[in-house]
PDB file of all heavy atoms in Angstrom:
ATOM      1  N   PRO A   1       1.371  -9.534   3.344  1.00  0.00           N
ATOM      2  CA  PRO A   1       0.763 -10.299   4.436  1.00  0.00           C
ATOM      3  C   PRO A   1       1.266  -9.879   5.818  1.00  0.00           C
ATOM      4  O   PRO A   1       0.514  -9.874   6.795  1.00  0.00           O
ATOM      5  CB  PRO A   1       1.123 -11.753   4.125  1.00  0.00           C
ATOM      6  CG  PRO A   1       2.234 -11.696   3.138  1.00  0.00           C
ATOM      7  CD  PRO A   1       2.090 -10.398   2.402  1.00  0.00           C
ATOM      8  N   LEU A   2       2.542  -9.478   5.887  1.00  0.00           N
ATOM      9  CA  LEU A   2       3.099  -9.020   7.159  1.00  0.00           C
ATOM     10  C   LEU A   2       2.430  -7.723   7.599  1.00  0.00           C
ATOM     11  O   LEU A   2       2.064  -7.567   8.770  1.00  0.00           O
ATOM     12  CB  LEU A   2       4.609  -8.831   7.032  1.00  0.00           C
ATOM     13  CG  LEU A   2       5.322  -8.350   8.292  1.00  0.00           C
ATOM     14  CD1 LEU A   2       5.174  -9.350   9.430  1.00  0.00           C
ATOM     15  CD2 LEU A   2       6.797  -8.099   7.988  1.00  0.00           C
ATOM     16  N   ALA A   3       2.270  -6.785   6.678  1.00  0.00           N
ATOM     17  CA  ALA A   3       1.604  -5.515   7.003  1.00  0.00           C
ATOM     18  C   ALA A   3       0.163  -5.752   7.440  1.00  0.00           C
ATOM     19  O   ALA A   3      -0.338  -5.096   8.360  1.00  0.00           O
ATOM     20  CB  ALA A   3       1.657  -4.575   5.804  1.00  0.00           C
ATOM     21  N   GLN A   4      -0.514  -6.689   6.788  1.00  0.00           N
ATOM     22  CA  GLN A   4      -1.895  -7.024   7.144  1.00  0.00           C
ATOM     23  C   GLN A   4      -1.982  -7.502   8.595  1.00  0.00           C
ATOM     24  O   GLN A   4      -2.776  -7.002   9.392  1.00  0.00           O
ATOM     25  CB  GLN A   4      -2.399  -8.131   6.199  1.00  0.00           C
ATOM     26  CG  GLN A   4      -3.730  -8.719   6.565  1.00  0.00           C
ATOM     27  CD  GLN A   4      -4.901  -7.991   5.944  1.00  0.00           C
ATOM     28  OE1 GLN A   4      -4.744  -7.292   4.953  1.00  0.00           O
ATOM     29  NE2 GLN A   4      -6.053  -8.145   6.522  1.00  0.00           N
ATOM     30  N   GLU A   5      -1.146  -8.474   8.942  1.00  0.00           N
ATOM     31  CA  GLU A   5      -1.151  -9.016  10.312  1.00  0.00           C
ATOM     32  C   GLU A   5      -0.745  -7.960  11.333  1.00  0.00           C
ATOM     33  O   GLU A   5      -1.355  -7.830  12.386  1.00  0.00           O
ATOM     34  CB  GLU A   5      -0.202 -10.219  10.408  1.00  0.00           C
ATOM     35  CG  GLU A   5      -0.701 -11.474   9.751  1.00  0.00           C
ATOM     36  CD  GLU A   5      -1.828 -12.149  10.518  1.00  0.00           C
ATOM     37  OE1 GLU A   5      -2.032 -11.860  11.715  1.00  0.00           O
ATOM     38  OE2 GLU A   5      -2.520 -12.982   9.904  1.00  0.00           O
ATOM     39  N   LEU A   6       0.296  -7.216  11.008  1.00  0.00           N
ATOM     40  CA  LEU A   6       0.808  -6.201  11.934  1.00  0.00           C
ATOM     41  C   LEU A   6      -0.210  -5.092  12.155  1.00  0.00           C
ATOM     42  O   LEU A   6      -0.359  -4.574  13.265  1.00  0.00           O
ATOM     43  CB  LEU A   6       2.129  -5.647  11.395  1.00  0.00           C
ATOM     44  CG  LEU A   6       3.072  -4.932  12.344  1.00  0.00           C
ATOM     45  CD1 LEU A   6       3.322  -5.722  13.619  1.00  0.00           C
ATOM     46  CD2 LEU A   6       4.393  -4.637  11.642  1.00  0.00           C
ATOM     47  N   SER A   7      -0.950  -4.751  11.118  1.00  0.00           N
ATOM     48  CA  SER A   7      -2.001  -3.738  11.250  1.00  0.00           C
ATOM     49  C   SER A   7      -3.078  -4.198  12.232  1.00  0.00           C
ATOM     50  O   SER A   7      -3.524  -3.428  13.086  1.00  0.00           O
ATOM     51  CB  SER A   7      -2.649  -3.459   9.896  1.00  0.00           C
ATOM     52  OG  SER A   7      -1.791  -2.719   9.075  1.00  0.00           O
ATOM     53  N   MET A   8      -3.478  -5.437  12.100  1.00  0.00           N
ATOM     54  CA  MET A   8      -4.517  -5.970  12.987  1.00  0.00           C
ATOM     55  C   MET A   8      -4.023  -6.040  14.437  1.00  0.00           C
ATOM     56  O   MET A   8      -4.728  -5.644  15.362  1.00  0.00           O
ATOM     57  CB  MET A   8      -4.965  -7.354  12.506  1.00  0.00           C
ATOM     58  CG  MET A   8      -5.599  -7.345  11.120  1.00  0.00           C
ATOM     59  SD  MET A   8      -7.022  -6.239  10.994  1.00  0.00           S
ATOM     60  CE  MET A   8      -8.202  -7.117  11.994  1.00  0.00           C
ATOM     61  N   ILE A   9      -2.811  -6.528  14.622  1.00  0.00           N
ATOM     62  CA  ILE A   9      -2.265  -6.687  15.976  1.00  0.00           C
ATOM     63  C   ILE A   9      -2.090  -5.344  16.677  1.00  0.00           C
ATOM     64  O   ILE A   9      -2.318  -5.224  17.880  1.00  0.00           O
ATOM     65  CB  ILE A   9      -0.927  -7.464  15.917  1.00  0.00           C
ATOM     66  CG1 ILE A   9      -1.184  -8.925  15.522  1.00  0.00           C
ATOM     67  CG2 ILE A   9      -0.183  -7.402  17.246  1.00  0.00           C
ATOM     68  CD1 ILE A   9       0.054  -9.684  15.125  1.00  0.00           C
ATOM     69  N   THR A  10      -1.684  -4.318  15.908  1.00  0.00           N
ATOM     70  CA  THR A  10      -1.435  -2.993  16.499  1.00  0.00           C
ATOM     71  C   THR A  10      -2.667  -2.086  16.464  1.00  0.00           C
ATOM     72  O   THR A  10      -2.575  -0.913  16.791  1.00  0.00           O
ATOM     73  CB  THR A  10      -0.263  -2.292  15.783  1.00  0.00           C
ATOM     74  OG1 THR A  10      -0.596  -2.121  14.397  1.00  0.00           O
ATOM     75  CG2 THR A  10       1.025  -3.085  15.919  1.00  0.00           C
ATOM     76  N   HIS A  11      -3.798  -2.652  16.050  1.00  0.00           N
ATOM     77  CA  HIS A  11      -5.076  -1.915  16.017  1.00  0.00           C
ATOM     78  C   HIS A  11      -5.032  -0.707  15.085  1.00  0.00           C
ATOM     79  O   HIS A  11      -5.517   0.369  15.410  1.00  0.00           O
ATOM     80  CB  HIS A  11      -5.497  -1.499  17.433  1.00  0.00           C
ATOM     81  CG  HIS A  11      -5.504  -2.643  18.394  1.00  0.00           C
ATOM     82  ND1 HIS A  11      -6.438  -3.657  18.346  1.00  0.00           N
ATOM     83  CD2 HIS A  11      -4.669  -2.956  19.414  1.00  0.00           C
ATOM     84  CE1 HIS A  11      -6.182  -4.537  19.303  1.00  0.00           C
ATOM     85  NE2 HIS A  11      -5.118  -4.144  19.958  1.00  0.00           N
ATOM     86  N   HIS A  12      -4.437  -0.932  13.902  1.00  0.00           N
ATOM     87  CA  HIS A  12      -4.420   0.068  12.842  1.00  0.00           C
ATOM     88  C   HIS A  12      -5.144  -0.548  11.645  1.00  0.00           C
ATOM     89  O   HIS A  12      -4.541  -1.313  10.888  1.00  0.00           O
ATOM     90  CB  HIS A  12      -2.984   0.457  12.469  1.00  0.00           C
ATOM     91  CG  HIS A  12      -2.309   1.269  13.517  1.00  0.00           C
ATOM     92  ND1 HIS A  12      -1.799   0.730  14.678  1.00  0.00           N
ATOM     93  CD2 HIS A  12      -2.072   2.604  13.589  1.00  0.00           C
ATOM     94  CE1 HIS A  12      -1.270   1.694  15.412  1.00  0.00           C
ATOM     95  NE2 HIS A  12      -1.423   2.840  14.777  1.00  0.00           N
ATOM     96  N   PRO A  13      -6.436  -0.259  11.489  1.00  0.00           N
ATOM     97  CA  PRO A  13      -7.237  -0.962  10.479  1.00  0.00           C
ATOM     98  C   PRO A  13      -6.889  -0.653   9.022  1.00  0.00           C
ATOM     99  O   PRO A  13      -7.336  -1.337   8.119  1.00  0.00           O
ATOM    100  CB  PRO A  13      -8.669  -0.525  10.791  1.00  0.00           C
ATOM    101  CG  PRO A  13      -8.525   0.758  11.524  1.00  0.00           C
ATOM    102  CD  PRO A  13      -7.229   0.678  12.274  1.00  0.00           C
ATOM    103  N   ARG A  14      -6.053   0.346   8.777  1.00  0.00           N
ATOM    104  CA  ARG A  14      -5.707   0.718   7.396  1.00  0.00           C
ATOM    105  C   ARG A  14      -4.197   0.721   7.243  1.00  0.00           C
ATOM    106  O   ARG A  14      -3.471   1.231   8.105  1.00  0.00           O
ATOM    107  CB  ARG A  14      -6.263   2.127   7.107  1.00  0.00           C
ATOM    108  CG  ARG A  14      -5.933   2.677   5.730  1.00  0.00           C
ATOM    109  CD  ARG A  14      -6.921   2.186   4.701  1.00  0.00           C
ATOM    110  NE  ARG A  14      -6.846   2.943   3.463  1.00  0.00           N
ATOM    111  CZ  ARG A  14      -6.132   2.571   2.389  1.00  0.00           C
ATOM    112  NH1 ARG A  14      -5.404   1.488   2.422  1.00  0.00           N
ATOM    113  NH2 ARG A  14      -6.152   3.301   1.299  1.00  0.00           N
ATOM    114  N   TYR A  15      -3.720   0.106   6.153  1.00  0.00           N
ATOM    115  CA  TYR A  15      -2.303   0.205   5.798  1.00  0.00           C
ATOM    116  C   TYR A  15      -2.211   0.481   4.298  1.00  0.00           C
ATOM    117  O   TYR A  15      -3.201   0.364   3.567  1.00  0.00           O
ATOM    118  CB  TYR A  15      -1.526  -1.063   6.179  1.00  0.00           C
ATOM    119  CG  TYR A  15      -1.902  -2.305   5.403  1.00  0.00           C
ATOM    120  CD1 TYR A  15      -1.191  -2.701   4.276  1.00  0.00           C
ATOM    121  CD2 TYR A  15      -2.966  -3.104   5.817  1.00  0.00           C
ATOM    122  CE1 TYR A  15      -1.530  -3.845   3.568  1.00  0.00           C
ATOM    123  CE2 TYR A  15      -3.313  -4.244   5.125  1.00  0.00           C
ATOM    124  CZ  TYR A  15      -2.593  -4.618   4.002  1.00  0.00           C
ATOM    125  OH  TYR A  15      -2.939  -5.752   3.307  1.00  0.00           O
ATOM    126  N   PHE A  16      -1.032   0.877   3.834  1.00  0.00           N
ATOM    127  CA  PHE A  16      -0.867   1.281   2.444  1.00  0.00           C
ATOM    128  C   PHE A  16       0.208   0.429   1.766  1.00  0.00           C
ATOM    129  O   PHE A  16       1.184   0.030   2.402  1.00  0.00           O
ATOM    130  CB  PHE A  16      -0.491   2.759   2.351  1.00  0.00           C
ATOM    131  CG  PHE A  16      -1.589   3.665   2.832  1.00  0.00           C
ATOM    132  CD1 PHE A  16      -1.685   4.014   4.178  1.00  0.00           C
ATOM    133  CD2 PHE A  16      -2.557   4.142   1.957  1.00  0.00           C
ATOM    134  CE1 PHE A  16      -2.708   4.833   4.637  1.00  0.00           C
ATOM    135  CE2 PHE A  16      -3.586   4.957   2.406  1.00  0.00           C
ATOM    136  CZ  PHE A  16      -3.662   5.300   3.748  1.00  0.00           C
ATOM    137  N   VAL A  17       0.001   0.195   0.461  1.00  0.00           N
ATOM    138  CA  VAL A  17       0.935  -0.612  -0.324  1.00  0.00           C
ATOM    139  C   VAL A  17       1.513   0.234  -1.453  1.00  0.00           C
ATOM    140  O   VAL A  17       0.762   0.821  -2.242  1.00  0.00           O
ATOM    141  CB  VAL A  17       0.233  -1.850  -0.924  1.00  0.00           C
ATOM    142  CG1 VAL A  17       1.217  -2.673  -1.765  1.00  0.00           C
ATOM    143  CG2 VAL A  17      -0.383  -2.710   0.176  1.00  0.00           C
ATOM    144  N   LEU A  18       2.834   0.304  -1.508  1.00  0.00           N
ATOM    145  CA  LEU A  18       3.513   0.940  -2.632  1.00  0.00           C
ATOM    146  C   LEU A  18       3.584  -0.105  -3.738  1.00  0.00           C
ATOM    147  O   LEU A  18       4.198  -1.162  -3.560  1.00  0.00           O
ATOM    148  CB  LEU A  18       4.915   1.402  -2.230  1.00  0.00           C
ATOM    149  CG  LEU A  18       4.982   2.352  -1.021  1.00  0.00           C
ATOM    150  CD1 LEU A  18       6.429   2.713  -0.713  1.00  0.00           C
ATOM    151  CD2 LEU A  18       4.147   3.593  -1.250  1.00  0.00           C
ATOM    152  N   ARG A  19       2.925   0.172  -4.865  1.00  0.00           N
ATOM    153  CA  ARG A  19       2.843  -0.789  -5.955  1.00  0.00           C
ATOM    154  C   ARG A  19       4.071  -0.691  -6.857  1.00  0.00           C
ATOM    155  O   ARG A  19       4.817   0.286  -6.802  1.00  0.00           O
ATOM    156  CB  ARG A  19       1.566  -0.554  -6.775  1.00  0.00           C
ATOM    157  CG  ARG A  19       0.275  -0.552  -5.977  1.00  0.00           C
ATOM    158  CD  ARG A  19      -0.046  -1.883  -5.323  1.00  0.00           C
ATOM    159  NE  ARG A  19      -0.120  -2.977  -6.272  1.00  0.00           N
ATOM    160  CZ  ARG A  19      -1.241  -3.389  -6.851  1.00  0.00           C
ATOM    161  NH1 ARG A  19      -2.397  -2.800  -6.577  1.00  0.00           N
ATOM    162  NH2 ARG A  19      -1.226  -4.410  -7.693  1.00  0.00           N
ATOM    163  N   LYS A  20       4.263  -1.688  -7.724  1.00  0.00           N
ATOM    164  CA  LYS A  20       5.424  -1.710  -8.616  1.00  0.00           C
ATOM    165  C   LYS A  20       5.087  -1.302 -10.042  1.00  0.00           C
ATOM    166  O   LYS A  20       5.941  -1.347 -10.918  1.00  0.00           O
ATOM    167  CB  LYS A  20       6.080  -3.086  -8.579  1.00  0.00           C
ATOM    168  CG  LYS A  20       6.737  -3.351  -7.231  1.00  0.00           C
ATOM    169  CD  LYS A  20       7.479  -4.649  -7.192  1.00  0.00           C
ATOM    170  CE  LYS A  20       8.129  -4.833  -5.831  1.00  0.00           C
ATOM    171  NZ  LYS A  20       8.694  -6.172  -5.672  1.00  0.00           N
ATOM    172  N   SER A  21       3.841  -0.905 -10.251  1.00  0.00           N
ATOM    173  CA  SER A  21       3.449  -0.371 -11.553  1.00  0.00           C
ATOM    174  C   SER A  21       2.193   0.477 -11.369  1.00  0.00           C
ATOM    175  O   SER A  21       1.474   0.327 -10.377  1.00  0.00           O
ATOM    176  CB  SER A  21       3.198  -1.486 -12.571  1.00  0.00           C
ATOM    177  OG  SER A  21       2.135  -2.318 -12.142  1.00  0.00           O
ATOM    178  N   VAL A  22       1.952   1.337 -12.318  1.00  0.00           N
ATOM    179  CA  VAL A  22       0.752   2.177 -12.281  1.00  0.00           C
ATOM    180  C   VAL A  22      -0.455   1.303 -12.620  1.00  0.00           C
ATOM    181  O   VAL A  22      -0.418   0.515 -13.568  1.00  0.00           O
ATOM    182  CB  VAL A  22       0.865   3.349 -13.279  1.00  0.00           C
ATOM    183  CG1 VAL A  22      -0.434   4.136 -13.341  1.00  0.00           C
ATOM    184  CG2 VAL A  22       2.035   4.255 -12.909  1.00  0.00           C
ATOM    185  N   LYS A  23      -1.510   1.425 -11.829  1.00  0.00           N
ATOM    186  CA  LYS A  23      -2.738   0.648 -12.044  1.00  0.00           C
ATOM    187  C   LYS A  23      -3.832   1.563 -12.581  1.00  0.00           C
ATOM    188  O   LYS A  23      -3.862   2.764 -12.287  1.00  0.00           O
ATOM    189  CB  LYS A  23      -3.202   0.006 -10.729  1.00  0.00           C
ATOM    190  CG  LYS A  23      -2.140  -0.854 -10.049  1.00  0.00           C
ATOM    191  CD  LYS A  23      -1.702  -1.998 -10.922  1.00  0.00           C
ATOM    192  CE  LYS A  23      -0.608  -2.824 -10.267  1.00  0.00           C
ATOM    193  NZ  LYS A  23      -0.060  -3.853 -11.141  1.00  0.00           N
ATOM    194  N   ALA A  24      -4.770   0.977 -13.321  1.00  0.00           N
ATOM    195  CA  ALA A  24      -5.831   1.755 -13.968  1.00  0.00           C
ATOM    196  C   ALA A  24      -6.708   2.505 -12.970  1.00  0.00           C
ATOM    197  O   ALA A  24      -7.236   3.573 -13.276  1.00  0.00           O
ATOM    198  CB  ALA A  24      -6.690   0.833 -14.834  1.00  0.00           C
ATOM    199  N   TYR A  25      -6.860   1.965 -11.771  1.00  0.00           N
ATOM    200  CA  TYR A  25      -7.736   2.601 -10.777  1.00  0.00           C
ATOM    201  C   TYR A  25      -7.111   3.830 -10.121  1.00  0.00           C
ATOM    202  O   TYR A  25      -7.789   4.591  -9.434  1.00  0.00           O
ATOM    203  CB  TYR A  25      -8.117   1.588  -9.685  1.00  0.00           C
ATOM    204  CG  TYR A  25      -6.970   1.149  -8.812  1.00  0.00           C
ATOM    205  CD1 TYR A  25      -6.544   1.935  -7.728  1.00  0.00           C
ATOM    206  CD2 TYR A  25      -6.299  -0.044  -9.052  1.00  0.00           C
ATOM    207  CE1 TYR A  25      -5.487   1.545  -6.924  1.00  0.00           C
ATOM    208  CE2 TYR A  25      -5.249  -0.451  -8.244  1.00  0.00           C
ATOM    209  CZ  TYR A  25      -4.848   0.346  -7.189  1.00  0.00           C
ATOM    210  OH  TYR A  25      -3.799  -0.045  -6.389  1.00  0.00           O
ATOM    211  N   MET A  26      -5.812   4.033 -10.295  1.00  0.00           N
ATOM    212  CA  MET A  26      -5.106   5.096  -9.577  1.00  0.00           C
ATOM    213  C   MET A  26      -5.458   6.471 -10.118  1.00  0.00           C
ATOM    214  O   MET A  26      -5.606   6.665 -11.320  1.00  0.00           O
ATOM    215  CB  MET A  26      -3.597   4.879  -9.655  1.00  0.00           C
ATOM    216  CG  MET A  26      -3.111   3.668  -8.903  1.00  0.00           C
ATOM    217  SD  MET A  26      -1.302   3.522  -9.042  1.00  0.00           S
ATOM    218  CE  MET A  26      -0.987   2.211  -7.873  1.00  0.00           C
ATOM    219  N   ARG A  27      -5.554   7.426  -9.195  1.00  0.00           N
ATOM    220  CA  ARG A  27      -5.737   8.834  -9.561  1.00  0.00           C
ATOM    221  C   ARG A  27      -4.450   9.585  -9.251  1.00  0.00           C
ATOM    222  O   ARG A  27      -3.959   9.537  -8.132  1.00  0.00           O
ATOM    223  CB  ARG A  27      -6.869   9.455  -8.750  1.00  0.00           C
ATOM    224  CG  ARG A  27      -8.231   8.949  -9.081  1.00  0.00           C
ATOM    225  CD  ARG A  27      -9.252   9.762  -8.333  1.00  0.00           C
ATOM    226  NE  ARG A  27     -10.575   9.215  -8.451  1.00  0.00           N
ATOM    227  CZ  ARG A  27     -11.564   9.527  -7.647  1.00  0.00           C
ATOM    228  NH1 ARG A  27     -11.377  10.384  -6.665  1.00  0.00           N
ATOM    229  NH2 ARG A  27     -12.759   9.010  -7.826  1.00  0.00           N
ATOM    230  N   ASN A  28      -3.929  10.273 -10.238  1.00  0.00           N
ATOM    231  CA  ASN A  28      -2.702  11.061 -10.075  1.00  0.00           C
ATOM    232  C   ASN A  28      -1.583  10.273  -9.382  1.00  0.00           C
ATOM    233  O   ASN A  28      -1.066  10.701  -8.338  1.00  0.00           O
ATOM    234  CB  ASN A  28      -2.991  12.347  -9.293  1.00  0.00           C
ATOM    235  CG  ASN A  28      -4.088  13.159  -9.932  1.00  0.00           C
ATOM    236  OD1 ASN A  28      -4.096  13.346 -11.144  1.00  0.00           O
ATOM    237  ND2 ASN A  28      -5.032  13.624  -9.139  1.00  0.00           N
ATOM    238  N   PRO A  29      -1.213   9.107  -9.920  1.00  0.00           N
ATOM    239  CA  PRO A  29      -0.173   8.306  -9.264  1.00  0.00           C
ATOM    240  C   PRO A  29       1.175   9.021  -9.231  1.00  0.00           C
ATOM    241  O   PRO A  29       1.507   9.778 -10.140  1.00  0.00           O
ATOM    242  CB  PRO A  29      -0.107   7.041 -10.126  1.00  0.00           C
ATOM    243  CG  PRO A  29      -0.664   7.451 -11.451  1.00  0.00           C
ATOM    244  CD  PRO A  29      -1.671   8.519 -11.171  1.00  0.00           C
ATOM    245  N   ILE A  30       1.931   8.752  -8.165  1.00  0.00           N
ATOM    246  CA  ILE A  30       3.265   9.325  -7.997  1.00  0.00           C
ATOM    247  C   ILE A  30       4.242   8.154  -8.041  1.00  0.00           C
ATOM    248  O   ILE A  30       4.079   7.195  -7.291  1.00  0.00           O
ATOM    249  CB  ILE A  30       3.375  10.073  -6.663  1.00  0.00           C
ATOM    250  CG1 ILE A  30       2.322  11.198  -6.629  1.00  0.00           C
ATOM    251  CG2 ILE A  30       4.759  10.645  -6.448  1.00  0.00           C
ATOM    252  CD1 ILE A  30       1.679  11.379  -5.309  1.00  0.00           C
ATOM    253  N   ALA A  31       5.243   8.226  -8.917  1.00  0.00           N
ATOM    254  CA  ALA A  31       6.158   7.101  -9.109  1.00  0.00           C
ATOM    255  C   ALA A  31       7.611   7.546  -9.015  1.00  0.00           C
ATOM    256  O   ALA A  31       7.955   8.674  -9.369  1.00  0.00           O
ATOM    257  CB  ALA A  31       5.905   6.447 -10.463  1.00  0.00           C
ATOM    258  N   ILE A  32       8.462   6.623  -8.522  1.00  0.00           N
ATOM    259  CA  ILE A  32       9.913   6.834  -8.533  1.00  0.00           C
ATOM    260  C   ILE A  32      10.576   5.515  -8.914  1.00  0.00           C
ATOM    261  O   ILE A  32       9.988   4.444  -8.779  1.00  0.00           O
ATOM    262  CB  ILE A  32      10.456   7.328  -7.167  1.00  0.00           C
ATOM    263  CG1 ILE A  32      10.192   6.302  -6.067  1.00  0.00           C
ATOM    264  CG2 ILE A  32       9.896   8.669  -6.782  1.00  0.00           C
ATOM    265  CD1 ILE A  32      10.990   6.566  -4.815  1.00  0.00           C
ATOM    266  N   GLY A  33      11.823   5.584  -9.383  1.00  0.00           N
ATOM    267  CA  GLY A  33      12.570   4.389  -9.760  1.00  0.00           C
ATOM    268  C   GLY A  33      13.087   3.642  -8.550  1.00  0.00           C
ATOM    269  O   GLY A  33      13.271   4.211  -7.476  1.00  0.00           O
ATOM    270  N   MET A  34      13.322   2.324  -8.746  1.00  0.00           N
ATOM    271  CA  MET A  34      13.802   1.481  -7.649  1.00  0.00           C
ATOM    272  C   MET A  34      14.606   0.312  -8.212  1.00  0.00           C
ATOM    273  O   MET A  34      14.317  -0.168  -9.292  1.00  0.00           O
ATOM    274  CB  MET A  34      12.604   0.937  -6.863  1.00  0.00           C
ATOM    275  CG  MET A  34      12.987   0.004  -5.739  1.00  0.00           C
ATOM    276  SD  MET A  34      11.554  -0.744  -4.939  1.00  0.00           S
ATOM    277  CE  MET A  34      11.168  -2.055  -6.087  1.00  0.00           C
TER     278      MET A  34
END
């Protein structure tokens, strides 16, 4: 939610989310441990 608001305020209509698991829709996902 913070990235969403900050994107709008700074006039950056696109932001990206690093997910915590591989999703079925992903193409060639890149993963690292955390």
